[in-house]
Amino acid sequence: MPQIQTSNQPVTQITIVETEPGKQADALSLMIERARFMSRQPGFVSISLHRSLDGRRVVNYIQWRSREQLQSAHKSPDLRREWNTFDRMTDEIDPHLYEVVQIMDNESSR
């Protein structure tokens, strides 16, 4: 389960993947396989995958205990082998690290 908090927060990477027309389902399928692999890596907290309703994008919300563990998982030879397949079905991959600044929900907005 994602942990969204402003204090003692995990490392959060949000990746926006722009897919070729008609390839969103294929990209999402491969990303689900990758998520299963990543979930077994040291420091893993959570992965949430979202698909856009226009059929062109997938957003990957990843959380890790530390930046070093996230980088190590991304450098895994097993993951790198699969990455080439993924590159061929996407137009653009845009990963960035983020930190939570504000949280507002139904309870806190009253």
N, C-alpha and C. Protein backbone atom coordinates (compact mmCIF):
# COMPACT_ATOMS: atom_id res chain seq x y z
N MET A 1 0.84 -1.17 0.00
CA MET A 1 0.00 0.00 0.00
C MET A 1 0.90 1.25 0.00
N PRO A 2 0.63 2.21 -0.89
CA PRO A 2 1.43 3.43 -0.88
C PRO A 2 1.36 4.13 0.47
N GLN A 3 2.48 4.71 0.85
CA GLN A 3 2.57 5.46 2.11
C GLN A 3 2.78 6.92 1.76
N ILE A 4 1.73 7.71 1.85
CA ILE A 4 1.84 9.12 1.51
C ILE A 4 1.80 9.92 2.81
N GLN A 5 2.94 10.52 3.13
CA GLN A 5 3.09 11.28 4.37
C GLN A 5 4.16 12.34 4.17
N THR A 6 4.12 13.39 4.98
CA THR A 6 5.10 14.47 4.83
C THR A 6 6.34 14.26 5.70
N SER A 7 6.24 13.46 6.74
CA SER A 7 7.41 13.20 7.59
C SER A 7 7.84 11.75 7.41
N ASN A 8 9.14 11.52 7.51
CA ASN A 8 9.69 10.17 7.40
C ASN A 8 9.15 9.44 6.17
N GLN A 9 9.15 10.15 5.05
CA GLN A 9 8.55 9.59 3.84
C GLN A 9 9.53 8.73 3.07
N PRO A 10 8.99 7.72 2.39
CA PRO A 10 9.85 6.91 1.52
C PRO A 10 10.27 7.72 0.29
N VAL A 11 11.22 7.19 -0.47
CA VAL A 11 11.62 7.79 -1.73
C VAL A 11 10.50 7.50 -2.74
N THR A 12 10.05 8.53 -3.42
CA THR A 12 8.97 8.39 -4.39
C THR A 12 9.46 8.74 -5.78
N GLN A 13 9.27 7.82 -6.72
CA GLN A 13 9.57 8.09 -8.12
C GLN A 13 8.27 7.99 -8.89
N ILE A 14 7.98 9.01 -9.67
CA ILE A 14 6.81 8.99 -10.54
C ILE A 14 7.33 9.00 -11.97
N THR A 15 6.92 8.00 -12.73
CA THR A 15 7.35 7.87 -14.12
C THR A 15 6.14 7.96 -15.02
N ILE A 16 6.20 8.87 -15.98
CA ILE A 16 5.14 8.98 -16.97
C ILE A 16 5.67 8.38 -18.26
N VAL A 17 4.94 7.40 -18.77
CA VAL A 17 5.33 6.70 -19.99
C VAL A 17 4.33 7.05 -21.08
N GLU A 18 4.85 7.59 -22.16
CA GLU A 18 4.03 7.93 -23.33
C GLU A 18 4.16 6.76 -24.30
N THR A 19 3.03 6.09 -24.60
CA THR A 19 3.09 4.90 -25.46
C THR A 19 2.73 5.25 -26.89
N GLU A 20 3.14 4.39 -27.80
CA GLU A 20 2.73 4.53 -29.19
C GLU A 20 1.23 4.25 -29.26
N PRO A 21 0.54 4.83 -30.24
CA PRO A 21 -0.90 4.56 -30.37
C PRO A 21 -1.19 3.06 -30.43
N GLY A 22 -2.15 2.63 -29.63
CA GLY A 22 -2.55 1.23 -29.62
C GLY A 22 -1.65 0.31 -28.81
N LYS A 23 -0.62 0.85 -28.15
CA LYS A 23 0.34 0.01 -27.42
C LYS A 23 0.24 0.16 -25.89
N GLN A 24 -0.74 0.91 -25.41
CA GLN A 24 -0.85 1.12 -23.97
C GLN A 24 -1.02 -0.19 -23.21
N ALA A 25 -1.89 -1.07 -23.69
CA ALA A 25 -2.14 -2.35 -23.00
C ALA A 25 -0.87 -3.19 -22.97
N ASP A 26 -0.11 -3.22 -24.07
CA ASP A 26 1.14 -3.98 -24.11
C ASP A 26 2.16 -3.40 -23.12
N ALA A 27 2.27 -2.07 -23.12
CA ALA A 27 3.22 -1.42 -22.19
C ALA A 27 2.81 -1.69 -20.76
N LEU A 28 1.52 -1.60 -20.47
CA LEU A 28 1.03 -1.84 -19.11
C LEU A 28 1.29 -3.29 -18.69
N SER A 29 1.11 -4.23 -19.60
CA SER A 29 1.37 -5.64 -19.29
C SER A 29 2.83 -5.85 -18.91
N LEU A 30 3.74 -5.27 -19.68
CA LEU A 30 5.16 -5.39 -19.36
C LEU A 30 5.49 -4.68 -18.05
N MET A 31 4.86 -3.53 -17.80
CA MET A 31 5.11 -2.81 -16.55
C MET A 31 4.61 -3.60 -15.34
N ILE A 32 3.53 -4.36 -15.50
CA ILE A 32 3.03 -5.21 -14.42
C ILE A 32 4.04 -6.32 -14.12
N GLU A 33 4.61 -6.91 -15.18
CA GLU A 33 5.68 -7.92 -14.98
C GLU A 33 6.86 -7.31 -14.25
N ARG A 34 7.28 -6.12 -14.67
CA ARG A 34 8.40 -5.43 -14.02
C ARG A 34 8.07 -5.12 -12.56
N ALA A 35 6.82 -4.74 -12.30
CA ALA A 35 6.41 -4.43 -10.93
C ALA A 35 6.55 -5.67 -10.04
N ARG A 36 6.20 -6.82 -10.57
CA ARG A 36 6.36 -8.07 -9.80
C ARG A 36 7.83 -8.31 -9.46
N PHE A 37 8.71 -8.09 -10.45
CA PHE A 37 10.14 -8.23 -10.21
C PHE A 37 10.61 -7.22 -9.16
N MET A 38 10.23 -5.96 -9.32
CA MET A 38 10.67 -4.90 -8.41
C MET A 38 10.16 -5.15 -6.99
N SER A 39 8.98 -5.73 -6.86
CA SER A 39 8.41 -5.96 -5.53
C SER A 39 9.23 -6.94 -4.70
N ARG A 40 10.11 -7.70 -5.35
CA ARG A 40 10.97 -8.65 -4.63
C ARG A 40 12.36 -8.08 -4.33
N GLN A 41 12.60 -6.82 -4.69
CA GLN A 41 13.91 -6.21 -4.49
C GLN A 41 14.00 -5.56 -3.10
N PRO A 42 15.21 -5.53 -2.52
CA PRO A 42 15.39 -4.90 -1.20
C PRO A 42 14.97 -3.43 -1.21
N GLY A 43 14.24 -3.03 -0.20
CA GLY A 43 13.83 -1.64 -0.04
C GLY A 43 12.50 -1.31 -0.68
N PHE A 44 11.88 -2.26 -1.37
CA PHE A 44 10.60 -2.01 -2.03
C PHE A 44 9.52 -1.68 -1.00
N VAL A 45 8.71 -0.65 -1.30
CA VAL A 45 7.55 -0.31 -0.48
C VAL A 45 6.27 -0.56 -1.27
N SER A 46 6.14 0.08 -2.44
CA SER A 46 4.91 -0.09 -3.23
C SER A 46 5.10 0.39 -4.66
N ILE A 47 4.24 -0.12 -5.53
CA ILE A 47 4.13 0.36 -6.91
C ILE A 47 2.65 0.46 -7.22
N SER A 48 2.26 1.60 -7.80
CA SER A 48 0.88 1.81 -8.26
C SER A 48 0.95 2.19 -9.73
N LEU A 49 0.23 1.47 -10.57
CA LEU A 49 0.21 1.76 -12.00
C LEU A 49 -1.14 2.37 -12.37
N HIS A 50 -1.10 3.40 -13.19
CA HIS A 50 -2.31 4.09 -13.64
C HIS A 50 -2.26 4.20 -15.16
N ARG A 51 -3.39 3.99 -15.83
CA ARG A 51 -3.43 4.19 -17.28
C ARG A 51 -4.35 5.36 -17.60
N SER A 52 -3.96 6.14 -18.59
CA SER A 52 -4.79 7.28 -18.99
C SER A 52 -5.98 6.79 -19.80
N LEU A 53 -7.05 7.50 -19.71
CA LEU A 53 -8.26 7.12 -20.43
C LEU A 53 -8.17 7.39 -21.93
N ASP A 54 -7.18 8.19 -22.35
CA ASP A 54 -7.00 8.45 -23.78
C ASP A 54 -6.19 7.34 -24.47
N GLY A 55 -5.71 6.35 -23.67
CA GLY A 55 -5.00 5.22 -24.24
C GLY A 55 -3.55 5.48 -24.62
N ARG A 56 -2.95 6.59 -24.15
CA ARG A 56 -1.60 6.96 -24.57
C ARG A 56 -0.55 6.94 -23.46
N ARG A 57 -0.95 6.97 -22.20
CA ARG A 57 0.02 7.10 -21.12
C ARG A 57 -0.20 6.07 -20.03
N VAL A 58 0.92 5.78 -19.34
CA VAL A 58 0.89 4.98 -18.12
C VAL A 58 1.71 5.76 -17.10
N VAL A 59 1.17 5.89 -15.90
CA VAL A 59 1.89 6.55 -14.81
C VAL A 59 2.23 5.49 -13.78
N ASN A 60 3.49 5.46 -13.40
CA ASN A 60 4.02 4.49 -12.46
C ASN A 60 4.46 5.25 -11.20
N TYR A 61 3.81 4.98 -10.08
CA TYR A 61 4.09 5.63 -8.80
C TYR A 61 4.81 4.59 -7.94
N ILE A 62 6.12 4.79 -7.71
CA ILE A 62 6.97 3.80 -7.04
C ILE A 62 7.49 4.38 -5.72
N GLN A 63 7.51 3.56 -4.68
CA GLN A 63 8.09 3.99 -3.40
C GLN A 63 9.12 2.97 -2.92
N TRP A 64 10.26 3.49 -2.42
CA TRP A 64 11.35 2.69 -1.89
C TRP A 64 11.81 3.26 -0.56
N ARG A 65 12.44 2.44 0.24
CA ARG A 65 12.94 2.90 1.54
C ARG A 65 14.10 3.88 1.39
N SER A 66 14.92 3.70 0.34
CA SER A 66 16.06 4.61 0.15
C SER A 66 16.35 4.79 -1.34
N ARG A 67 16.97 5.89 -1.65
CA ARG A 67 17.35 6.18 -3.03
C ARG A 67 18.36 5.15 -3.54
N GLU A 68 19.29 4.74 -2.68
CA GLU A 68 20.30 3.75 -3.06
C GLU A 68 19.67 2.41 -3.43
N GLN A 69 18.67 1.98 -2.67
CA GLN A 69 18.00 0.72 -2.98
C GLN A 69 17.21 0.81 -4.28
N LEU A 70 16.59 1.95 -4.53
CA LEU A 70 15.88 2.16 -5.79
C LEU A 70 16.86 2.10 -6.97
N GLN A 71 17.98 2.78 -6.85
CA GLN A 71 18.99 2.78 -7.92
C GLN A 71 19.53 1.37 -8.15
N SER A 72 19.77 0.64 -7.09
CA SER A 72 20.27 -0.73 -7.21
C SER A 72 19.27 -1.62 -7.95
N ALA A 73 17.99 -1.49 -7.64
CA ALA A 73 16.96 -2.28 -8.31
C ALA A 73 16.91 -1.95 -9.80
N HIS A 74 17.06 -0.68 -10.15
CA HIS A 74 17.03 -0.26 -11.55
C HIS A 74 18.25 -0.73 -12.33
N LYS A 75 19.35 -1.01 -11.64
CA LYS A 75 20.58 -1.47 -12.30
C LYS A 75 20.66 -2.99 -12.41
N SER A 76 19.68 -3.69 -11.91
CA SER A 76 19.68 -5.16 -11.96
C SER A 76 19.79 -5.65 -13.41
N PRO A 77 20.70 -6.59 -13.68
CA PRO A 77 20.83 -7.13 -15.06
C PRO A 77 19.52 -7.73 -15.57
N ASP A 78 18.75 -8.39 -14.71
CA ASP A 78 17.48 -8.97 -15.14
C ASP A 78 16.51 -7.88 -15.61
N LEU A 79 16.47 -6.78 -14.89
CA LEU A 79 15.58 -5.68 -15.27
C LEU A 79 16.08 -5.03 -16.56
N ARG A 80 17.36 -4.84 -16.70
CA ARG A 80 17.94 -4.19 -17.89
C ARG A 80 17.63 -5.00 -19.16
N ARG A 81 17.63 -6.31 -19.08
CA ARG A 81 17.32 -7.14 -20.25
C ARG A 81 15.91 -6.85 -20.77
N GLU A 82 14.96 -6.70 -19.86
CA GLU A 82 13.58 -6.44 -20.24
C GLU A 82 13.36 -5.01 -20.72
N TRP A 83 14.21 -4.10 -20.29
CA TRP A 83 14.03 -2.68 -20.62
C TRP A 83 14.07 -2.43 -22.12
N ASN A 84 14.89 -3.16 -22.87
CA ASN A 84 14.97 -2.97 -24.32
C ASN A 84 13.63 -3.22 -24.99
N THR A 85 12.92 -4.25 -24.55
CA THR A 85 11.59 -4.55 -25.10
C THR A 85 10.65 -3.38 -24.84
N PHE A 86 10.72 -2.85 -23.64
CA PHE A 86 9.84 -1.76 -23.23
C PHE A 86 10.13 -0.50 -24.06
N ASP A 87 11.40 -0.20 -24.32
CA ASP A 87 11.77 0.98 -25.10
C ASP A 87 11.14 0.96 -26.49
N ARG A 88 10.98 -0.21 -27.08
CA ARG A 88 10.44 -0.30 -28.43
C ARG A 88 8.94 0.01 -28.49
N MET A 89 8.23 -0.07 -27.35
CA MET A 89 6.79 0.21 -27.40
C MET A 89 6.40 1.57 -26.84
N THR A 90 7.38 2.37 -26.48
CA THR A 90 7.07 3.67 -25.89
C THR A 90 7.68 4.80 -26.71
N ASP A 91 7.04 5.96 -26.64
CA ASP A 91 7.57 7.15 -27.30
C ASP A 91 8.48 7.91 -26.34
N GLU A 92 8.11 7.96 -25.06
CA GLU A 92 8.86 8.75 -24.10
C GLU A 92 8.68 8.17 -22.70
N ILE A 93 9.78 8.12 -21.95
CA ILE A 93 9.75 7.67 -20.56
C ILE A 93 10.32 8.81 -19.73
N ASP A 94 9.56 9.30 -18.74
CA ASP A 94 9.94 10.48 -17.99
C ASP A 94 9.90 10.20 -16.48
N PRO A 95 11.00 9.65 -15.90
CA PRO A 95 11.03 9.37 -14.46
C PRO A 95 11.65 10.53 -13.67
N HIS A 96 11.07 10.83 -12.50
CA HIS A 96 11.62 11.84 -11.60
C HIS A 96 11.33 11.45 -10.16
N LEU A 97 12.21 11.89 -9.25
CA LEU A 97 11.99 11.67 -7.81
C LEU A 97 11.20 12.86 -7.25
N TYR A 98 10.32 12.56 -6.30
CA TYR A 98 9.45 13.58 -5.71
C TYR A 98 9.43 13.44 -4.19
N GLU A 99 9.01 14.52 -3.52
CA GLU A 99 8.72 14.44 -2.09
C GLU A 99 7.35 15.04 -1.85
N VAL A 100 6.68 14.52 -0.85
CA VAL A 100 5.33 14.99 -0.50
C VAL A 100 5.46 16.32 0.23
N VAL A 101 4.70 17.29 -0.21
CA VAL A 101 4.72 18.62 0.40
C VAL A 101 3.46 18.86 1.22
N GLN A 102 2.31 18.44 0.71
CA GLN A 102 1.04 18.68 1.39
C GLN A 102 0.13 17.48 1.17
N ILE A 103 -0.61 17.12 2.19
CA ILE A 103 -1.60 16.06 2.09
C ILE A 103 -2.93 16.64 2.55
N MET A 104 -3.96 16.46 1.76
CA MET A 104 -5.29 16.91 2.15
C MET A 104 -6.27 15.81 1.78
N ASP A 105 -7.12 15.46 2.70
CA ASP A 105 -8.15 14.48 2.42
C ASP A 105 -9.47 15.02 2.95
N ASN A 106 -10.48 14.22 2.85
CA ASN A 106 -11.82 14.63 3.29
C ASN A 106 -11.84 15.05 4.75
N GLU A 107 -11.09 14.34 5.59
CA GLU A 107 -11.05 14.66 7.03
C GLU A 107 -10.28 15.94 7.32
N SER A 108 -9.14 16.14 6.64
CA SER A 108 -8.29 17.29 6.96
C SER A 108 -8.80 18.58 6.34
N SER A 109 -9.72 18.52 5.40
CA SER A 109 -10.21 19.74 4.75
C SER A 109 -11.43 20.35 5.44
N ARG A 110 -11.87 19.74 6.51
CA ARG A 110 -13.06 20.25 7.24
C ARG A 110 -12.69 21.37 8.18
